[in-house]
Protein backbone atom coordinates (compact mmCIF):
# COMPACT_ATOMS: atom_id res chain seq x y z
CA MET A 1 0.03 -0.06 0.08
CA SER A 2 1.41 3.27 -0.99
CA GLY A 3 0.65 6.68 0.55
CA THR A 4 0.82 10.40 -1.09
CA ALA A 5 3.29 12.83 0.15
CA ASP A 6 1.46 15.83 1.71
CA GLY A 7 3.11 18.90 -0.09
CA GLY A 8 1.01 21.15 1.95
CA LEU A 9 -1.20 23.89 0.86
CA PHE A 10 0.87 24.71 -2.29
CA GLY A 11 3.44 22.00 -3.04
CA PRO A 12 7.03 22.08 -4.48
CA GLU A 13 5.83 23.09 -7.90
CA SER A 14 4.31 26.29 -6.51
CA ILE A 15 5.66 29.90 -7.02
CA SER A 16 5.34 30.39 -3.40
CA TRP A 17 7.96 27.44 -2.72
CA ARG A 18 10.20 28.96 -5.31
CA ILE A 19 10.21 32.45 -4.01
CA ASP A 20 10.13 31.99 -0.21
CA ARG A 21 12.75 29.34 -0.10
CA GLU A 22 15.31 32.08 -1.21
CA VAL A 23 17.60 33.13 1.51
CA MET A 24 18.01 36.51 -0.41
CA VAL A 25 14.35 37.15 -0.13
CA LEU A 26 15.08 37.38 3.74
CA ALA A 27 17.13 40.39 3.08
CA GLY A 28 13.98 42.08 2.60
CA GLY A 29 12.76 41.54 6.25
CA SER A 30 13.44 44.95 7.52
CA CYS A 31 11.56 46.49 4.55
CA ALA A 32 8.61 44.53 5.48
CA LEU A 33 9.00 45.38 9.20
CA LEU A 34 9.21 49.19 8.44
CA MET A 35 6.27 48.93 6.12
CA GLN A 36 4.21 47.37 8.79
CA LEU A 37 5.19 49.72 11.38
CA ALA A 38 4.26 52.48 9.08
CA HIS A 39 0.72 51.89 9.97
CA PRO A 40 -0.09 53.69 13.00
CA ALA A 41 -2.17 51.06 14.42
CA VAL A 42 0.16 48.23 13.62
CA ALA A 43 2.96 50.26 15.23
CA ALA A 44 0.65 50.83 18.34
CA GLY A 45 -0.14 47.07 18.58
CA VAL A 46 3.66 46.03 18.20
CA ALA A 47 4.66 48.68 20.86
CA GLU A 48 2.13 47.62 23.26
CA HIS A 49 1.64 43.88 22.82
CA SER A 50 5.21 42.50 22.19
CA ASP A 51 8.82 42.76 23.35
CA PHE A 52 9.78 44.59 20.17
CA ARG A 53 11.93 47.26 21.85
CA HIS A 54 14.09 44.37 23.55
CA ASP A 55 14.15 42.04 20.67
CA PRO A 56 13.01 43.86 17.53
CA PHE A 57 13.53 40.74 15.33
CA ALA A 58 11.46 38.58 17.52
CA ARG A 59 8.39 39.66 15.51
CA LEU A 60 10.19 38.95 12.16
CA ARG A 61 11.43 35.42 13.51
CA ARG A 62 7.62 34.74 14.49
CA THR A 63 6.35 35.90 11.31
CA LEU A 64 8.88 33.81 9.32
CA ALA A 65 8.24 30.70 11.45
CA ALA A 66 4.45 31.02 10.84
CA SER A 67 4.95 31.78 7.29
CA TYR A 68 7.30 28.82 6.56
CA ALA A 69 4.86 26.56 8.32
CA VAL A 70 2.09 27.71 6.02
CA VAL A 71 4.06 27.62 2.84
CA PHE A 72 6.40 24.56 3.42
CA GLY A 73 4.70 22.50 6.06
CA SER A 74 2.34 19.61 5.57
CA THR A 75 -1.52 20.65 5.52
CA PRO A 76 -1.95 19.91 9.15
CA ARG A 77 1.02 21.83 10.27
CA ALA A 78 0.01 24.68 8.01
CA GLU A 79 -3.64 24.74 9.53
CA ARG A 80 -2.15 24.82 12.90
CA ALA A 81 0.02 27.70 12.21
CA ILE A 82 -2.84 29.78 10.86
CA ARG A 83 -5.04 28.92 13.73
CA ARG A 84 -2.23 29.97 16.10
CA VAL A 85 -1.69 33.34 14.29
CA ASN A 86 -5.57 33.92 14.43
CA SER A 87 -5.59 33.20 18.20
CA ILE A 88 -2.81 35.67 18.89
CA HIS A 89 -4.54 38.23 16.98
CA ALA A 90 -7.76 37.91 18.93
CA SER A 91 -6.18 39.22 22.08
CA VAL A 92 -4.45 42.24 20.43
CA ALA A 93 -6.35 45.47 20.77
CA GLY A 94 -5.91 49.04 22.11
CA ILE A 95 -5.73 52.79 21.37
CA VAL A 96 -3.45 54.39 18.81
CA PRO A 97 -1.64 57.09 20.87
CA GLU A 98 -1.29 59.56 18.03
CA THR A 99 -5.10 59.49 16.99
CA GLY A 100 -6.93 58.26 20.02
CA GLU A 101 -8.63 55.70 17.66
CA PRO A 102 -9.20 52.05 18.75
CA TYR A 103 -7.39 49.50 16.98
CA SER A 104 -7.69 45.61 16.78
CA ALA A 105 -5.33 43.11 15.05
CA ARG A 106 -8.50 41.36 13.69
CA ASP A 107 -9.29 44.61 11.82
CA PRO A 108 -9.55 43.65 8.12
CA ALA A 109 -7.84 46.72 7.07
CA LEU A 110 -4.66 46.08 9.15
CA LEU A 111 -4.76 42.46 8.22
CA LEU A 112 -4.48 43.41 4.61
CA TRP A 113 -1.80 45.84 5.21
CA VAL A 114 0.26 43.48 6.72
CA HIS A 115 -0.30 40.85 4.29
CA ALA A 116 0.26 43.40 1.26
CA THR A 117 3.63 44.30 2.84
CA LEU A 118 4.84 40.54 2.88
CA VAL A 119 3.57 39.94 -0.71
CA ASP A 120 5.04 43.06 -2.15
CA THR A 121 8.32 42.82 -0.34
CA ALA A 122 8.95 39.18 -1.38
CA ILE A 123 8.13 39.89 -5.09
CA ARG A 124 10.35 43.12 -5.36
CA VAL A 125 13.22 41.54 -3.51
CA TYR A 126 13.09 38.27 -5.57
CA ASP A 127 12.56 40.14 -8.99
CA ARG A 128 15.34 42.34 -8.35
CA PHE A 129 17.99 40.40 -6.63
CA VAL A 130 17.10 36.65 -7.57
CA ALA A 131 15.59 36.27 -10.96
CA ARG A 132 13.12 38.45 -13.05
CA LEU A 133 9.65 37.22 -12.63
CA SER A 134 7.19 37.19 -15.52
CA PRO A 135 4.03 39.19 -14.84
CA ASP A 136 2.14 35.62 -14.91
CA GLU A 137 4.39 34.49 -12.15
CA ALA A 138 4.00 37.59 -10.02
CA GLU A 139 0.32 37.17 -10.35
CA ALA A 140 0.48 33.35 -9.42
CA TYR A 141 2.42 34.47 -6.21
CA HIS A 142 -0.34 37.01 -5.34
CA ALA A 143 -2.98 34.47 -6.09
CA GLU A 144 -1.54 31.76 -3.63
CA ALA A 145 -0.78 34.23 -1.00
CA ARG A 146 -4.31 35.55 -1.36
CA GLN A 147 -5.47 32.19 -0.13
CA VAL A 148 -3.66 32.57 2.91
CA ALA A 149 -4.67 36.05 3.70
CA ILE A 150 -8.36 34.86 3.62
CA ARG A 151 -7.70 32.17 6.14
CA LEU A 152 -6.18 34.81 8.30
CA GLY A 153 -9.16 36.76 8.30
CA VAL A 154 -8.93 39.16 5.32
CA PRO A 155 -12.47 39.17 3.87
CA ASP A 156 -12.33 37.95 0.33
CA ALA A 157 -14.31 40.93 -1.05
CA SER A 158 -11.42 43.46 0.23
CA LEU A 159 -8.68 41.54 -1.22
CA PRO A 160 -7.93 42.88 -4.65
CA GLY A 161 -7.94 40.23 -7.35
CA THR A 162 -4.67 41.31 -9.09
CA LEU A 163 -1.16 42.13 -7.83
CA ALA A 164 -1.54 45.66 -9.55
CA GLY A 165 -4.84 46.18 -7.58
CA LEU A 166 -2.97 45.11 -4.39
CA ARG A 167 -0.23 47.63 -4.98
CA ALA A 168 -2.82 50.26 -5.90
CA GLU A 169 -4.43 49.72 -2.64
CA MET A 170 -1.21 50.31 -0.92
CA ASP A 171 -0.41 53.38 -2.62
CA ARG A 172 -3.97 54.66 -1.84
CA MET A 173 -3.37 53.96 1.77
CA ILE A 174 -0.21 55.75 1.81
CA ARG A 175 -1.54 58.73 -0.09
CA SER A 176 -4.64 58.83 2.06
CA GLY A 177 -2.79 59.13 5.38
CA ASP A 178 -4.03 55.89 6.68
CA VAL A 179 -0.43 54.68 6.42
CA THR A 180 2.06 57.19 7.77
CA VAL A 181 5.05 56.99 9.83
CA SER A 182 3.96 57.87 13.43
CA ALA A 183 5.89 58.99 16.38
CA THR A 184 5.59 55.35 17.76
CA ALA A 185 6.95 53.89 14.53
CA ARG A 186 9.84 56.23 14.52
CA SER A 187 10.66 55.31 18.16
CA LEU A 188 10.61 51.58 17.06
CA ALA A 189 12.68 52.08 13.99
CA PRO A 190 16.04 51.93 15.40
CA GLY A 191 15.46 48.54 16.88
CA VAL A 192 14.86 47.18 13.14
CA LEU A 193 17.84 49.22 11.69
CA TYR A 194 20.32 48.91 14.47
CA PRO A 195 19.33 46.06 16.54
CA SER A 196 22.56 45.67 18.50
CA ARG A 197 25.68 47.68 19.10
CA PHE A 198 27.91 45.19 17.30
CA PRO A 199 28.48 45.27 14.22
CA PRO A 200 28.97 49.05 13.93
CA ARG A 201 26.22 51.18 12.28
CA PRO A 202 27.91 51.34 8.63
CA VAL A 203 27.93 47.58 8.71
CA TRP A 204 24.27 47.47 9.45
CA ASP A 205 23.49 50.14 6.92
CA LEU A 206 25.16 47.84 4.30
CA ALA A 207 23.02 44.93 5.49
CA HIS A 208 19.92 46.78 5.04
CA LEU A 209 20.48 48.05 1.56
CA VAL A 210 18.41 45.60 -0.10
CA SER A 211 15.56 46.26 2.06
CA LEU A 212 15.76 50.01 1.90
CA SER A 213 16.07 49.70 -1.85
CA VAL A 214 12.41 48.38 -2.21
CA LEU A 215 11.02 50.63 0.69
CA PRO A 216 8.40 52.99 -0.84
CA PRO A 217 10.20 56.35 -0.96
CA ALA A 218 7.37 58.22 0.98
CA ILE A 219 7.74 55.60 3.91
CA ARG A 220 11.73 55.99 3.70
CA ARG A 221 11.23 59.86 4.10
CA GLY A 222 8.85 59.29 7.20
CA TYR A 223 11.62 57.41 8.85
CA GLY A 224 14.04 60.07 7.97
CA ILE A 225 16.01 57.42 6.13
CA ARG A 226 18.43 59.08 3.51
CA TRP A 227 18.58 57.70 0.07
CA SER A 228 20.50 59.03 -3.13
CA SER A 229 20.92 58.33 -6.75
CA ARG A 230 24.61 57.18 -6.00
CA ARG A 231 23.15 54.64 -3.55
CA GLU A 232 20.64 53.68 -6.12
CA ARG A 233 23.23 52.91 -8.66
CA GLY A 234 25.43 50.91 -6.36
CA VAL A 235 22.21 48.69 -5.28
CA GLU A 236 21.43 48.24 -9.14
CA LEU A 237 25.16 46.89 -9.46
CA LEU A 238 24.55 44.58 -6.55
CA ALA A 239 21.30 43.28 -8.13
CA ARG A 240 22.75 42.50 -11.22
CA ALA A 241 25.70 40.57 -9.77
CA SER A 242 23.22 38.80 -7.51
CA ARG A 243 21.27 37.53 -10.36
CA ARG A 244 24.28 36.37 -12.21
CA VAL A 245 25.94 34.67 -9.13
CA LEU A 246 22.94 32.95 -7.35
CA PRO A 247 22.40 30.44 -10.16
CA LEU A 248 25.90 29.16 -9.32
CA VAL A 249 25.31 28.86 -5.48
CA PRO A 250 24.59 25.50 -4.29
CA ASP A 251 20.84 24.96 -2.88
CA PRO A 252 21.83 24.25 0.67
CA LEU A 253 23.48 27.83 0.73
CA ARG A 254 20.83 29.78 -1.07
CA HIS A 255 17.54 27.96 0.08
CA VAL A 256 16.14 28.37 3.82
CA PRO A 257 16.24 25.30 6.13
CA ALA A 258 12.43 25.15 6.14
CA ALA A 259 12.19 24.52 2.31
CA ARG A 260 15.11 22.00 2.59
CA SER A 261 13.44 20.31 5.21
CA ALA A 262 10.17 20.12 3.38
CA GLU A 263 11.82 18.73 0.29
CA ARG A 264 13.60 15.83 2.55
CA ARG A 265 10.17 15.25 3.97
CA LEU A 266 8.47 14.77 0.89
CA LEU A 267 11.52 12.63 -0.52
CA ARG A 268 11.17 10.31 2.55
CA ALA A 269 7.37 10.12 1.97
CA THR A 270 8.00 8.90 -1.60
CA ARG A 271 10.47 6.44 -0.80
CA ASN A 272 8.74 4.88 2.03
CA GLY A 273 5.16 5.15 0.63
CA ASP A 274 4.02 7.16 3.65
CA SER A 275 1.74 9.93 4.14
CA VAL A 276 3.53 12.82 5.89
């Protein structure tokens, strides 16, 4: 009797596996964090309901752990991760200090913004620093991520049907002032950009170049992050070199452990005829 390997919600042939397995995409982590914090309600929730000031990358680690479980885990593991995130969000609520408005982590608008930052950042980093994506491939990634967003509480009706629509909604939120870098966000930003005294700041600045290059200019300005045409030219040279070199890098060095673990799990299941 032979079973079938459980490839999870997407499986190894999906665009989500191809993009999310790249270590280089992790270089966009600080971009995603800064974009999320640029929503005043998200910044308030992070400041009031987490240890972000003491361990700023704990949020990123938790987000990555949940994301990798959803993308690379078996179906039961992915479902457990989604339930756990929903359970955590259920207890996060408060008042935005800058506006006096109430917020809840279950607010569809906040969920949509956080979802959009992760999708947009991953696509931009992969396309610029790993390999060019065709429009169809970028849309496929958006469509796969959309399924997860719905499971995490974003109403189907409020989720744009296309990547262009998602980015248009992000632009609208920034232009309208719904997303604007608050005093709380600015107070949290140093923890993202300089989470430790060592290495020195110039090294951290280099480490964040990939993230800052894909951060929307309005949000960069909101944090007071300087950018220049010279820096942009340097990043473009880096991107071209990265796209040329990465195909030569062995998979164990360029793919995240969660992806390699999932591949081994499926290989064992195929060999043993077991369901995993």
